[in-house]
């Protein structure tokens, strides 16, 4: 699977890069905790360093690396996991949806899966245009709370995980897109509708596989978002993070681009029809 991923990107002119796993300042996110390493941190994502490479002129890059998130352990979660992350200058989140579908179809085909994969008894069609659903539409169809209520009550992630995610992608993969602006993270807001961010997640057989954006390149707007997230972290009693100043300084030089972070272990689960992430890694934390 890893060889097929690398072949996909190198055939399309992407450069494989390697960035430090141990960093002084992760991107602040209210609900994600980095693992401390002395007075630095193990990366939760290679995002900040890879975007600095984009800003330095590397227009098409990818990386397969280890990431770490404290307290994340479950049937689909490990505290140490493998991430595929890639960026392409001159593209947006619609282009990235097409690239993501092409990647997964290519890898599935390389492994002899053909046009369909079977997961937990469900036969999922990988051909043609994959389904798309806005976050607003998903809440209207599946959620017990309105989108606005879930945001006001800080229950958005809970509702998505328990009520929406289990209903997505059992016949065809589904791109869930146009997240509320407040949950845009490092994504650009839509020019014709600034209430939503140009962000999507891909769901197959009720499992989230990736998180992607049209990238925000405005350093002032990004600084404000970081400050809001850091304030939420501190209010919740979480470990404070320093501001990632080198990233913010590089941001004005970053081209218009899109990026995607895909869970490699979860892709392995899908392609191996494995019900738990423990089945696709050589060692779980408990076995060490």
C-alpha atoms as a PDB file:
ATOM      1  CA  UNK A   1       0.000   0.000   0.000  1.00  0.00           C
ATOM      2  CA  UNK A   2       2.772   2.439   0.890  1.00  0.00           C
ATOM      3  CA  UNK A   3       4.577   1.647  -2.366  1.00  0.00           C
ATOM      4  CA  UNK A   4       1.376   2.297  -4.316  1.00  0.00           C
ATOM      5  CA  UNK A   5       0.915   5.660  -2.570  1.00  0.00           C
ATOM      6  CA  UNK A   6       4.463   6.700  -3.408  1.00  0.00           C
ATOM      7  CA  UNK A   7       4.077   5.603  -7.042  1.00  0.00           C
ATOM      8  CA  UNK A   8       0.882   7.646  -7.357  1.00  0.00           C
ATOM      9  CA  UNK A   9       2.558  10.865  -6.239  1.00  0.00           C
ATOM     10  CA  UNK A  10       5.932  10.473  -7.938  1.00  0.00           C
ATOM     11  CA  UNK A  11       4.181   9.714 -11.249  1.00  0.00           C
ATOM     12  CA  UNK A  12       2.421  13.091 -10.908  1.00  0.00           C
ATOM     13  CA  UNK A  13       5.527  15.111 -10.233  1.00  0.00           C
ATOM     14  CA  UNK A  14       5.309  15.373  -6.450  1.00  0.00           C
ATOM     15  CA  UNK A  15       8.462  15.536  -4.366  1.00  0.00           C
ATOM     16  CA  UNK A  16       8.589  13.326  -1.283  1.00  0.00           C
ATOM     17  CA  UNK A  17       9.816  15.399   1.668  1.00  0.00           C
ATOM     18  CA  UNK A  18      10.789  14.785   5.263  1.00  0.00           C
ATOM     19  CA  UNK A  19      10.279  17.330   8.038  1.00  0.00           C
ATOM     20  CA  UNK A  20      11.101  17.212  11.778  1.00  0.00           C
ATOM     21  CA  UNK A  21       8.818  15.156  14.012  1.00  0.00           C
ATOM     22  CA  UNK A  22       9.867  17.110  17.128  1.00  0.00           C
ATOM     23  CA  UNK A  23       8.874  20.777  16.905  1.00  0.00           C
ATOM     24  CA  UNK A  24       8.776  23.806  19.245  1.00  0.00           C
ATOM     25  CA  UNK A  25       5.172  24.871  18.510  1.00  0.00           C
ATOM     26  CA  UNK A  26       2.269  22.852  17.069  1.00  0.00           C
ATOM     27  CA  UNK A  27      -0.707  24.582  15.488  1.00  0.00           C
ATOM     28  CA  UNK A  28      -3.070  25.256  18.405  1.00  0.00           C
ATOM     29  CA  UNK A  29      -6.290  23.234  18.177  1.00  0.00           C
ATOM     30  CA  UNK A  30      -8.792  23.291  21.016  1.00  0.00           C
ATOM     31  CA  UNK A  31      -9.517  19.553  21.022  1.00  0.00           C
ATOM     32  CA  UNK A  32      -6.142  18.031  20.006  1.00  0.00           C
ATOM     33  CA  UNK A  33      -3.299  17.606  22.501  1.00  0.00           C
ATOM     34  CA  UNK A  34       0.311  17.184  21.437  1.00  0.00           C
ATOM     35  CA  UNK A  35       2.708  14.868  23.254  1.00  0.00           C
ATOM     36  CA  UNK A  36       5.423  16.810  25.105  1.00  0.00           C
ATOM     37  CA  UNK A  37       9.083  16.105  24.358  1.00  0.00           C
ATOM     38  CA  UNK A  38      11.124  17.970  26.963  1.00  0.00           C
ATOM     39  CA  UNK A  39      10.155  21.601  26.281  1.00  0.00           C
ATOM     40  CA  UNK A  40       9.111  20.874  22.657  1.00  0.00           C
ATOM     41  CA  UNK A  41       6.362  18.671  21.215  1.00  0.00           C
ATOM     42  CA  UNK A  42       5.948  15.650  18.940  1.00  0.00           C
ATOM     43  CA  UNK A  43       4.034  16.760  15.873  1.00  0.00           C
ATOM     44  CA  UNK A  44       0.286  16.220  15.616  1.00  0.00           C
ATOM     45  CA  UNK A  45       0.697  16.837  11.876  1.00  0.00           C
ATOM     46  CA  UNK A  46       3.567  17.890   9.564  1.00  0.00           C
ATOM     47  CA  UNK A  47       1.364  20.733   8.305  1.00  0.00           C
ATOM     48  CA  UNK A  48       3.292  23.797   9.469  1.00  0.00           C
ATOM     49  CA  UNK A  49       6.681  22.650   8.211  1.00  0.00           C
ATOM     50  CA  UNK A  50       5.274  21.423   4.893  1.00  0.00           C
ATOM     51  CA  UNK A  51       3.582  24.759   4.297  1.00  0.00           C
ATOM     52  CA  UNK A  52       6.897  26.494   4.918  1.00  0.00           C
ATOM     53  CA  UNK A  53       8.298  24.336   2.118  1.00  0.00           C
ATOM     54  CA  UNK A  54       5.412  25.464  -0.107  1.00  0.00           C
ATOM     55  CA  UNK A  55       6.284  29.059   0.756  1.00  0.00           C
ATOM     56  CA  UNK A  56       9.924  28.333  -0.184  1.00  0.00           C
ATOM     57  CA  UNK A  57       8.883  27.307  -3.699  1.00  0.00           C
ATOM     58  CA  UNK A  58       8.233  23.551  -3.564  1.00  0.00           C
ATOM     59  CA  UNK A  59       4.870  23.432  -5.346  1.00  0.00           C
ATOM     60  CA  UNK A  60       3.889  19.736  -5.158  1.00  0.00           C
ATOM     61  CA  UNK A  61       5.012  17.819  -2.079  1.00  0.00           C
ATOM     62  CA  UNK A  62       3.963  14.771  -0.067  1.00  0.00           C
ATOM     63  CA  UNK A  63       5.092  13.030   3.085  1.00  0.00           C
ATOM     64  CA  UNK A  64       4.329   9.774   4.905  1.00  0.00           C
ATOM     65  CA  UNK A  65       5.252  10.197   8.557  1.00  0.00           C
ATOM     66  CA  UNK A  66       4.489   9.414  12.173  1.00  0.00           C
ATOM     67  CA  UNK A  67       2.228  11.765  14.121  1.00  0.00           C
ATOM     68  CA  UNK A  68       1.304  11.777  17.796  1.00  0.00           C
ATOM     69  CA  UNK A  69      -1.805  12.850  19.707  1.00  0.00           C
ATOM     70  CA  UNK A  70      -2.121  12.480  23.443  1.00  0.00           C
ATOM     71  CA  UNK A  71      -5.097  10.567  24.792  1.00  0.00           C
ATOM     72  CA  UNK A  72      -6.374   9.280  21.444  1.00  0.00           C
ATOM     73  CA  UNK A  73      -6.862   5.518  21.739  1.00  0.00           C
ATOM     74  CA  UNK A  74      -9.758   3.468  20.433  1.00  0.00           C
ATOM     75  CA  UNK A  75     -10.934   1.152  17.688  1.00  0.00           C
ATOM     76  CA  UNK A  76      -9.860   3.680  15.047  1.00  0.00           C
ATOM     77  CA  UNK A  77      -7.336   5.704  17.036  1.00  0.00           C
ATOM     78  CA  UNK A  78      -3.735   5.336  18.158  1.00  0.00           C
ATOM     79  CA  UNK A  79      -1.631   7.841  20.062  1.00  0.00           C
ATOM     80  CA  UNK A  80       1.113   7.205  17.456  1.00  0.00           C
ATOM     81  CA  UNK A  81      -0.166   6.800  13.905  1.00  0.00           C
ATOM     82  CA  UNK A  82       0.902   7.156  10.280  1.00  0.00           C
ATOM     83  CA  UNK A  83      -0.169  10.183   8.259  1.00  0.00           C
ATOM     84  CA  UNK A  84      -0.021  10.900   4.537  1.00  0.00           C
ATOM     85  CA  UNK A  85      -0.024  14.627   3.905  1.00  0.00           C
ATOM     86  CA  UNK A  86       0.259  16.370   0.560  1.00  0.00           C
ATOM     87  CA  UNK A  87       0.017  19.884  -0.921  1.00  0.00           C
ATOM     88  CA  UNK A  88      -0.426  21.255  -4.425  1.00  0.00           C
ATOM     89  CA  UNK A  89       0.028  24.883  -5.425  1.00  0.00           C
ATOM     90  CA  UNK A  90      -2.581  26.349  -7.768  1.00  0.00           C
ATOM     91  CA  UNK A  91      -5.389  24.088  -6.540  1.00  0.00           C
ATOM     92  CA  UNK A  92      -8.413  24.383  -4.262  1.00  0.00           C
ATOM     93  CA  UNK A  93     -10.521  21.981  -2.210  1.00  0.00           C
ATOM     94  CA  UNK A  94     -12.620  20.957  -5.233  1.00  0.00           C
ATOM     95  CA  UNK A  95      -9.422  19.972  -7.064  1.00  0.00           C
ATOM     96  CA  UNK A  96      -8.320  18.149  -3.926  1.00  0.00           C
ATOM     97  CA  UNK A  97     -11.541  16.101  -3.848  1.00  0.00           C
ATOM     98  CA  UNK A  98     -10.757  14.835  -7.350  1.00  0.00           C
ATOM     99  CA  UNK A  99      -7.125  14.102  -6.426  1.00  0.00           C
ATOM    100  CA  UNK A 100      -8.197  12.206  -3.296  1.00  0.00           C
ATOM    101  CA  UNK A 101     -10.604  10.008  -5.247  1.00  0.00           C
ATOM    102  CA  UNK A 102      -7.902   9.323  -7.846  1.00  0.00           C
ATOM    103  CA  UNK A 103      -5.401   8.374  -5.134  1.00  0.00           C
ATOM    104  CA  UNK A 104      -7.682   5.898  -3.380  1.00  0.00           C
ATOM    105  CA  UNK A 105      -8.858   4.351  -6.646  1.00  0.00           C
ATOM    106  CA  UNK A 106      -5.234   3.986  -7.779  1.00  0.00           C
ATOM    107  CA  UNK A 107      -4.100   2.359  -4.534  1.00  0.00           C
ATOM    108  CA  UNK A 108      -7.113   0.017  -4.445  1.00  0.00           C
ATOM    109  CA  UNK A 109      -6.446  -0.984  -8.054  1.00  0.00           C
ATOM    110  CA  UNK A 110      -2.747  -1.579  -7.342  1.00  0.00           C
ATOM    111  CA  UNK A 111      -3.753  -3.980  -4.568  1.00  0.00           C
ATOM    112  CA  UNK A 112      -6.122  -5.888  -6.836  1.00  0.00           C
ATOM    113  CA  UNK A 113      -9.344  -4.471  -5.393  1.00  0.00           C
ATOM    114  CA  UNK A 114     -10.641  -3.191  -8.710  1.00  0.00           C
ATOM    115  CA  UNK A 115     -13.593  -0.815  -8.821  1.00  0.00           C
ATOM    116  CA  UNK A 116     -15.041  -1.809  -5.458  1.00  0.00           C
ATOM    117  CA  UNK A 117     -13.943  -2.437  -1.901  1.00  0.00           C
ATOM    118  CA  UNK A 118     -15.798  -4.533   0.648  1.00  0.00           C
ATOM    119  CA  UNK A 119     -15.749  -3.323   4.230  1.00  0.00           C
ATOM    120  CA  UNK A 120     -17.716  -4.839   7.098  1.00  0.00           C
ATOM    121  CA  UNK A 121     -20.071  -6.508   4.662  1.00  0.00           C
ATOM    122  CA  UNK A 122     -20.695  -3.370   2.592  1.00  0.00           C
ATOM    123  CA  UNK A 123     -19.690  -3.228  -1.082  1.00  0.00           C
ATOM    124  CA  UNK A 124     -18.525   0.327  -1.818  1.00  0.00           C
ATOM    125  CA  UNK A 125     -18.389   1.558  -5.403  1.00  0.00           C
ATOM    126  CA  UNK A 126     -15.225   3.575  -6.113  1.00  0.00           C
ATOM    127  CA  UNK A 127     -16.083   4.453  -9.718  1.00  0.00           C
ATOM    128  CA  UNK A 128     -17.437   7.714 -11.149  1.00  0.00           C
ATOM    129  CA  UNK A 129     -17.994  10.939  -9.262  1.00  0.00           C
ATOM    130  CA  UNK A 130     -18.159  10.381  -5.515  1.00  0.00           C
ATOM    131  CA  UNK A 131     -21.038  11.790  -3.495  1.00  0.00           C
ATOM    132  CA  UNK A 132     -20.809  15.228  -1.899  1.00  0.00           C
ATOM    133  CA  UNK A 133     -22.805  16.606   1.024  1.00  0.00           C
ATOM    134  CA  UNK A 134     -22.440  19.924   2.835  1.00  0.00           C
ATOM    135  CA  UNK A 135     -22.145  19.910   6.608  1.00  0.00           C
ATOM    136  CA  UNK A 136     -25.396  21.868   6.774  1.00  0.00           C
ATOM    137  CA  UNK A 137     -27.203  19.234   4.694  1.00  0.00           C
ATOM    138  CA  UNK A 138     -25.810  16.444   6.877  1.00  0.00           C
ATOM    139  CA  UNK A 139     -27.112  18.096  10.050  1.00  0.00           C
ATOM    140  CA  UNK A 140     -30.539  18.630   8.464  1.00  0.00           C
ATOM    141  CA  UNK A 141     -30.726  14.964   7.417  1.00  0.00           C
ATOM    142  CA  UNK A 142     -29.161  13.075  10.292  1.00  0.00           C
ATOM    143  CA  UNK A 143     -28.606  15.147  13.442  1.00  0.00           C
ATOM    144  CA  UNK A 144     -30.796  15.525  16.525  1.00  0.00           C
ATOM    145  CA  UNK A 145     -29.519  19.093  16.969  1.00  0.00           C
ATOM    146  CA  UNK A 146     -29.338  21.902  14.442  1.00  0.00           C
ATOM    147  CA  UNK A 147     -25.906  22.914  13.220  1.00  0.00           C
ATOM    148  CA  UNK A 148     -26.239  26.202  15.113  1.00  0.00           C
ATOM    149  CA  UNK A 149     -27.209  24.420  18.352  1.00  0.00           C
ATOM    150  CA  UNK A 150     -24.281  22.011  18.081  1.00  0.00           C
ATOM    151  CA  UNK A 151     -21.867  24.938  17.771  1.00  0.00           C
ATOM    152  CA  UNK A 152     -23.436  26.891  20.628  1.00  0.00           C
ATOM    153  CA  UNK A 153     -23.293  23.838  22.922  1.00  0.00           C
ATOM    154  CA  UNK A 154     -19.777  22.830  21.783  1.00  0.00           C
ATOM    155  CA  UNK A 155     -21.175  19.471  20.654  1.00  0.00           C
ATOM    156  CA  UNK A 156     -20.342  19.635  16.941  1.00  0.00           C
ATOM    157  CA  UNK A 157     -17.681  16.893  17.004  1.00  0.00           C
ATOM    158  CA  UNK A 158     -19.867  14.692  19.206  1.00  0.00           C
ATOM    159  CA  UNK A 159     -22.882  14.960  16.875  1.00  0.00           C
ATOM    160  CA  UNK A 160     -20.773  14.319  13.773  1.00  0.00           C
ATOM    161  CA  UNK A 161     -19.089  11.282  15.348  1.00  0.00           C
ATOM    162  CA  UNK A 162     -22.213   9.677  16.807  1.00  0.00           C
ATOM    163  CA  UNK A 163     -25.054  10.685  14.500  1.00  0.00           C
ATOM    164  CA  UNK A 164     -23.668  11.687  11.090  1.00  0.00           C
ATOM    165  CA  UNK A 165     -20.455   9.731  10.490  1.00  0.00           C
ATOM    166  CA  UNK A 166     -22.080   6.282  10.993  1.00  0.00           C
ATOM    167  CA  UNK A 167     -24.467   7.025   8.092  1.00  0.00           C
ATOM    168  CA  UNK A 168     -21.975   8.130   5.453  1.00  0.00           C
ATOM    169  CA  UNK A 169     -20.319   6.276   2.612  1.00  0.00           C
ATOM    170  CA  UNK A 170     -21.794   2.775   2.666  1.00  0.00           C
ATOM    171  CA  UNK A 171     -22.600   2.627  -1.052  1.00  0.00           C
ATOM    172  CA  UNK A 172     -20.225   5.267  -2.421  1.00  0.00           C
ATOM    173  CA  UNK A 173     -17.609   7.436  -0.694  1.00  0.00           C
ATOM    174  CA  UNK A 174     -18.930  10.796   0.549  1.00  0.00           C
ATOM    175  CA  UNK A 175     -17.128  14.131   0.736  1.00  0.00           C
ATOM    176  CA  UNK A 176     -18.545  16.119   3.653  1.00  0.00           C
ATOM    177  CA  UNK A 177     -17.681  19.734   2.849  1.00  0.00           C
ATOM    178  CA  UNK A 178     -18.181  23.436   3.636  1.00  0.00           C
ATOM    179  CA  UNK A 179     -17.553  23.378   7.375  1.00  0.00           C
ATOM    180  CA  UNK A 180     -18.701  26.297   9.558  1.00  0.00           C
ATOM    181  CA  UNK A 181     -16.210  29.163   9.466  1.00  0.00           C
ATOM    182  CA  UNK A 182     -15.559  28.737  13.192  1.00  0.00           C
ATOM    183  CA  UNK A 183     -14.208  25.247  12.437  1.00  0.00           C
ATOM    184  CA  UNK A 184     -12.114  26.311   9.463  1.00  0.00           C
ATOM    185  CA  UNK A 185      -8.809  25.741  11.279  1.00  0.00           C
ATOM    186  CA  UNK A 186      -6.223  26.635   8.606  1.00  0.00           C
ATOM    187  CA  UNK A 187      -8.733  26.721   5.722  1.00  0.00           C
ATOM    188  CA  UNK A 188      -9.721  29.641   3.505  1.00  0.00           C
ATOM    189  CA  UNK A 189     -13.286  30.957   3.821  1.00  0.00           C
ATOM    190  CA  UNK A 190     -15.471  30.768   0.742  1.00  0.00           C
ATOM    191  CA  UNK A 191     -15.459  34.019  -1.198  1.00  0.00           C
ATOM    192  CA  UNK A 192     -19.182  33.822  -1.999  1.00  0.00           C
ATOM    193  CA  UNK A 193     -20.168  32.642   1.493  1.00  0.00           C
ATOM    194  CA  UNK A 194     -17.779  33.582   4.317  1.00  0.00           C
ATOM    195  CA  UNK A 195     -19.888  31.689   6.856  1.00  0.00           C
ATOM    196  CA  UNK A 196     -18.259  28.462   5.657  1.00  0.00           C
ATOM    197  CA  UNK A 197     -14.667  27.303   5.191  1.00  0.00           C
ATOM    198  CA  UNK A 198     -13.357  25.477   2.138  1.00  0.00           C
ATOM    199  CA  UNK A 199     -12.752  22.278   4.073  1.00  0.00           C
ATOM    200  CA  UNK A 200     -13.819  18.672   3.518  1.00  0.00           C
ATOM    201  CA  UNK A 201     -13.522  15.267   5.108  1.00  0.00           C
ATOM    202  CA  UNK A 202     -13.899  11.972   3.253  1.00  0.00           C
ATOM    203  CA  UNK A 203     -16.069   9.180   4.672  1.00  0.00           C
ATOM    204  CA  UNK A 204     -16.112   5.580   3.471  1.00  0.00           C
ATOM    205  CA  UNK A 205     -18.200   2.962   5.265  1.00  0.00           C
ATOM    206  CA  UNK A 206     -18.797   5.309   8.188  1.00  0.00           C
ATOM    207  CA  UNK A 207     -15.086   5.986   8.687  1.00  0.00           C
ATOM    208  CA  UNK A 208     -13.360   9.338   8.299  1.00  0.00           C
ATOM    209  CA  UNK A 209     -10.246   8.955   6.158  1.00  0.00           C
ATOM    210  CA  UNK A 210      -8.946  12.479   5.598  1.00  0.00           C
ATOM    211  CA  UNK A 211      -9.242  16.184   6.334  1.00  0.00           C
ATOM    212  CA  UNK A 212      -8.488  18.716   3.577  1.00  0.00           C
ATOM    213  CA  UNK A 213      -8.579  22.468   2.917  1.00  0.00           C
ATOM    214  CA  UNK A 214      -8.109  25.214   0.450  1.00  0.00           C
ATOM    215  CA  UNK A 215      -5.285  26.765   2.412  1.00  0.00           C
ATOM    216  CA  UNK A 216      -5.535  30.101   4.204  1.00  0.00           C
ATOM    217  CA  UNK A 217      -2.612  32.334   3.201  1.00  0.00           C
ATOM    218  CA  UNK A 218      -3.522  35.499   5.139  1.00  0.00           C
ATOM    219  CA  UNK A 219      -1.133  35.719   8.116  1.00  0.00           C
ATOM    220  CA  UNK A 220      -3.262  38.231  10.038  1.00  0.00           C
ATOM    221  CA  UNK A 221      -6.396  36.079   9.782  1.00  0.00           C
ATOM    222  CA  UNK A 222      -4.406  32.963  10.668  1.00  0.00           C
ATOM    223  CA  UNK A 223      -2.906  34.651  13.731  1.00  0.00           C
ATOM    224  CA  UNK A 224      -6.387  35.594  14.962  1.00  0.00           C
ATOM    225  CA  UNK A 225      -7.553  31.991  14.553  1.00  0.00           C
ATOM    226  CA  UNK A 226      -4.514  30.656  16.391  1.00  0.00           C
ATOM    227  CA  UNK A 227      -5.108  33.106  19.246  1.00  0.00           C
ATOM    228  CA  UNK A 228      -8.753  32.015  19.553  1.00  0.00           C
ATOM    229  CA  UNK A 229      -7.816  28.333  19.604  1.00  0.00           C
ATOM    230  CA  UNK A 230      -5.062  28.926  22.142  1.00  0.00           C
ATOM    231  CA  UNK A 231      -7.488  30.856  24.358  1.00  0.00           C
ATOM    232  CA  UNK A 232      -9.897  27.906  24.241  1.00  0.00           C
ATOM    233  CA  UNK A 233      -7.060  25.532  25.131  1.00  0.00           C
ATOM    234  CA  UNK A 234      -6.003  27.593  28.134  1.00  0.00           C
ATOM    235  CA  UNK A 235      -9.593  28.044  29.317  1.00  0.00           C
ATOM    236  CA  UNK A 236      -9.960  24.244  29.280  1.00  0.00           C
ATOM    237  CA  UNK A 237      -6.769  23.795  31.305  1.00  0.00           C
ATOM    238  CA  UNK A 238      -4.817  22.273  28.404  1.00  0.00           C
ATOM    239  CA  UNK A 239      -1.063  22.602  27.886  1.00  0.00           C
ATOM    240  CA  UNK A 240      -0.288  26.052  26.442  1.00  0.00           C
ATOM    241  CA  UNK A 241       1.589  26.269  23.149  1.00  0.00           C
ATOM    242  CA  UNK A 242       3.994  28.963  21.958  1.00  0.00           C
ATOM    243  CA  UNK A 243       2.961  30.830  18.825  1.00  0.00           C
ATOM    244  CA  UNK A 244       4.446  29.228  15.656  1.00  0.00           C
ATOM    245  CA  UNK A 245       6.054  32.460  14.487  1.00  0.00           C
ATOM    246  CA  UNK A 246       8.282  31.031  11.697  1.00  0.00           C
ATOM    247  CA  UNK A 247       5.159  29.587  10.045  1.00  0.00           C
ATOM    248  CA  UNK A 248       3.253  32.873  10.316  1.00  0.00           C
ATOM    249  CA  UNK A 249       6.243  34.745   8.879  1.00  0.00           C
ATOM    250  CA  UNK A 250       6.372  32.351   5.899  1.00  0.00           C
ATOM    251  CA  UNK A 251       2.638  32.453   5.217  1.00  0.00           C
ATOM    252  CA  UNK A 252       2.619  35.596   3.001  1.00  0.00           C
ATOM    253  CA  UNK A 253       4.934  33.764   0.595  1.00  0.00           C
ATOM    254  CA  UNK A 254       2.761  30.640   0.346  1.00  0.00           C
ATOM    255  CA  UNK A 255       0.973  30.261  -2.999  1.00  0.00           C
ATOM    256  CA  UNK A 256      -2.729  29.610  -3.375  1.00  0.00           C
ATOM    257  CA  UNK A 257      -2.923  25.887  -2.707  1.00  0.00           C
ATOM    258  CA  UNK A 258      -4.795  22.990  -1.180  1.00  0.00           C
ATOM    259  CA  UNK A 259      -3.644  20.303   1.222  1.00  0.00           C
ATOM    260  CA  UNK A 260      -4.856  17.010   2.603  1.00  0.00           C
ATOM    261  CA  UNK A 261      -4.047  14.855   5.640  1.00  0.00           C
ATOM    262  CA  UNK A 262      -5.043  11.198   5.254  1.00  0.00           C
ATOM    263  CA  UNK A 263      -4.840   8.505   7.912  1.00  0.00           C
ATOM    264  CA  UNK A 264      -2.727   5.712   6.442  1.00  0.00           C
ATOM    265  CA  UNK A 265      -3.708   3.210   9.140  1.00  0.00           C
ATOM    266  CA  UNK A 266      -7.392   3.825   8.421  1.00  0.00           C
ATOM    267  CA  UNK A 267      -6.833   3.380   4.694  1.00  0.00           C
ATOM    268  CA  UNK A 268      -5.172   0.061   5.538  1.00  0.00           C
ATOM    269  CA  UNK A 269      -8.226  -0.857   7.643  1.00  0.00           C
ATOM    270  CA  UNK A 270     -10.494  -0.146   4.679  1.00  0.00           C
ATOM    271  CA  UNK A 271      -8.427  -2.088   2.148  1.00  0.00           C
ATOM    272  CA  UNK A 272      -7.863  -5.042   4.506  1.00  0.00           C
ATOM    273  CA  UNK A 273     -11.483  -5.103   5.743  1.00  0.00           C
ATOM    274  CA  UNK A 274     -10.172  -4.770   9.293  1.00  0.00           C
ATOM    275  CA  UNK A 275     -12.589  -3.796  12.045  1.00  0.00           C
ATOM    276  CA  UNK A 276      -9.953  -2.284  14.335  1.00  0.00           C
ATOM    277  CA  UNK A 277      -6.782  -0.282  13.823  1.00  0.00           C
ATOM    278  CA  UNK A 278      -4.950  -2.830  16.001  1.00  0.00           C
ATOM    279  CA  UNK A 279      -5.249  -5.342  13.140  1.00  0.00           C
ATOM    280  CA  UNK A 280      -3.175  -3.267  10.683  1.00  0.00           C
ATOM    281  CA  UNK A 281      -0.197  -2.205  12.827  1.00  0.00           C
ATOM    282  CA  UNK A 282       2.671  -4.395  13.921  1.00  0.00           C
ATOM    283  CA  UNK A 283       2.670  -3.135  17.512  1.00  0.00           C
ATOM    284  CA  UNK A 284      -0.018  -1.478  19.588  1.00  0.00           C
ATOM    285  CA  UNK A 285       1.035   0.712  22.547  1.00  0.00           C
ATOM    286  CA  UNK A 286      -0.141  -1.995  24.957  1.00  0.00           C
ATOM    287  CA  UNK A 287       2.160  -4.610  23.373  1.00  0.00           C
ATOM    288  CA  UNK A 288       5.363  -2.614  23.870  1.00  0.00           C
END
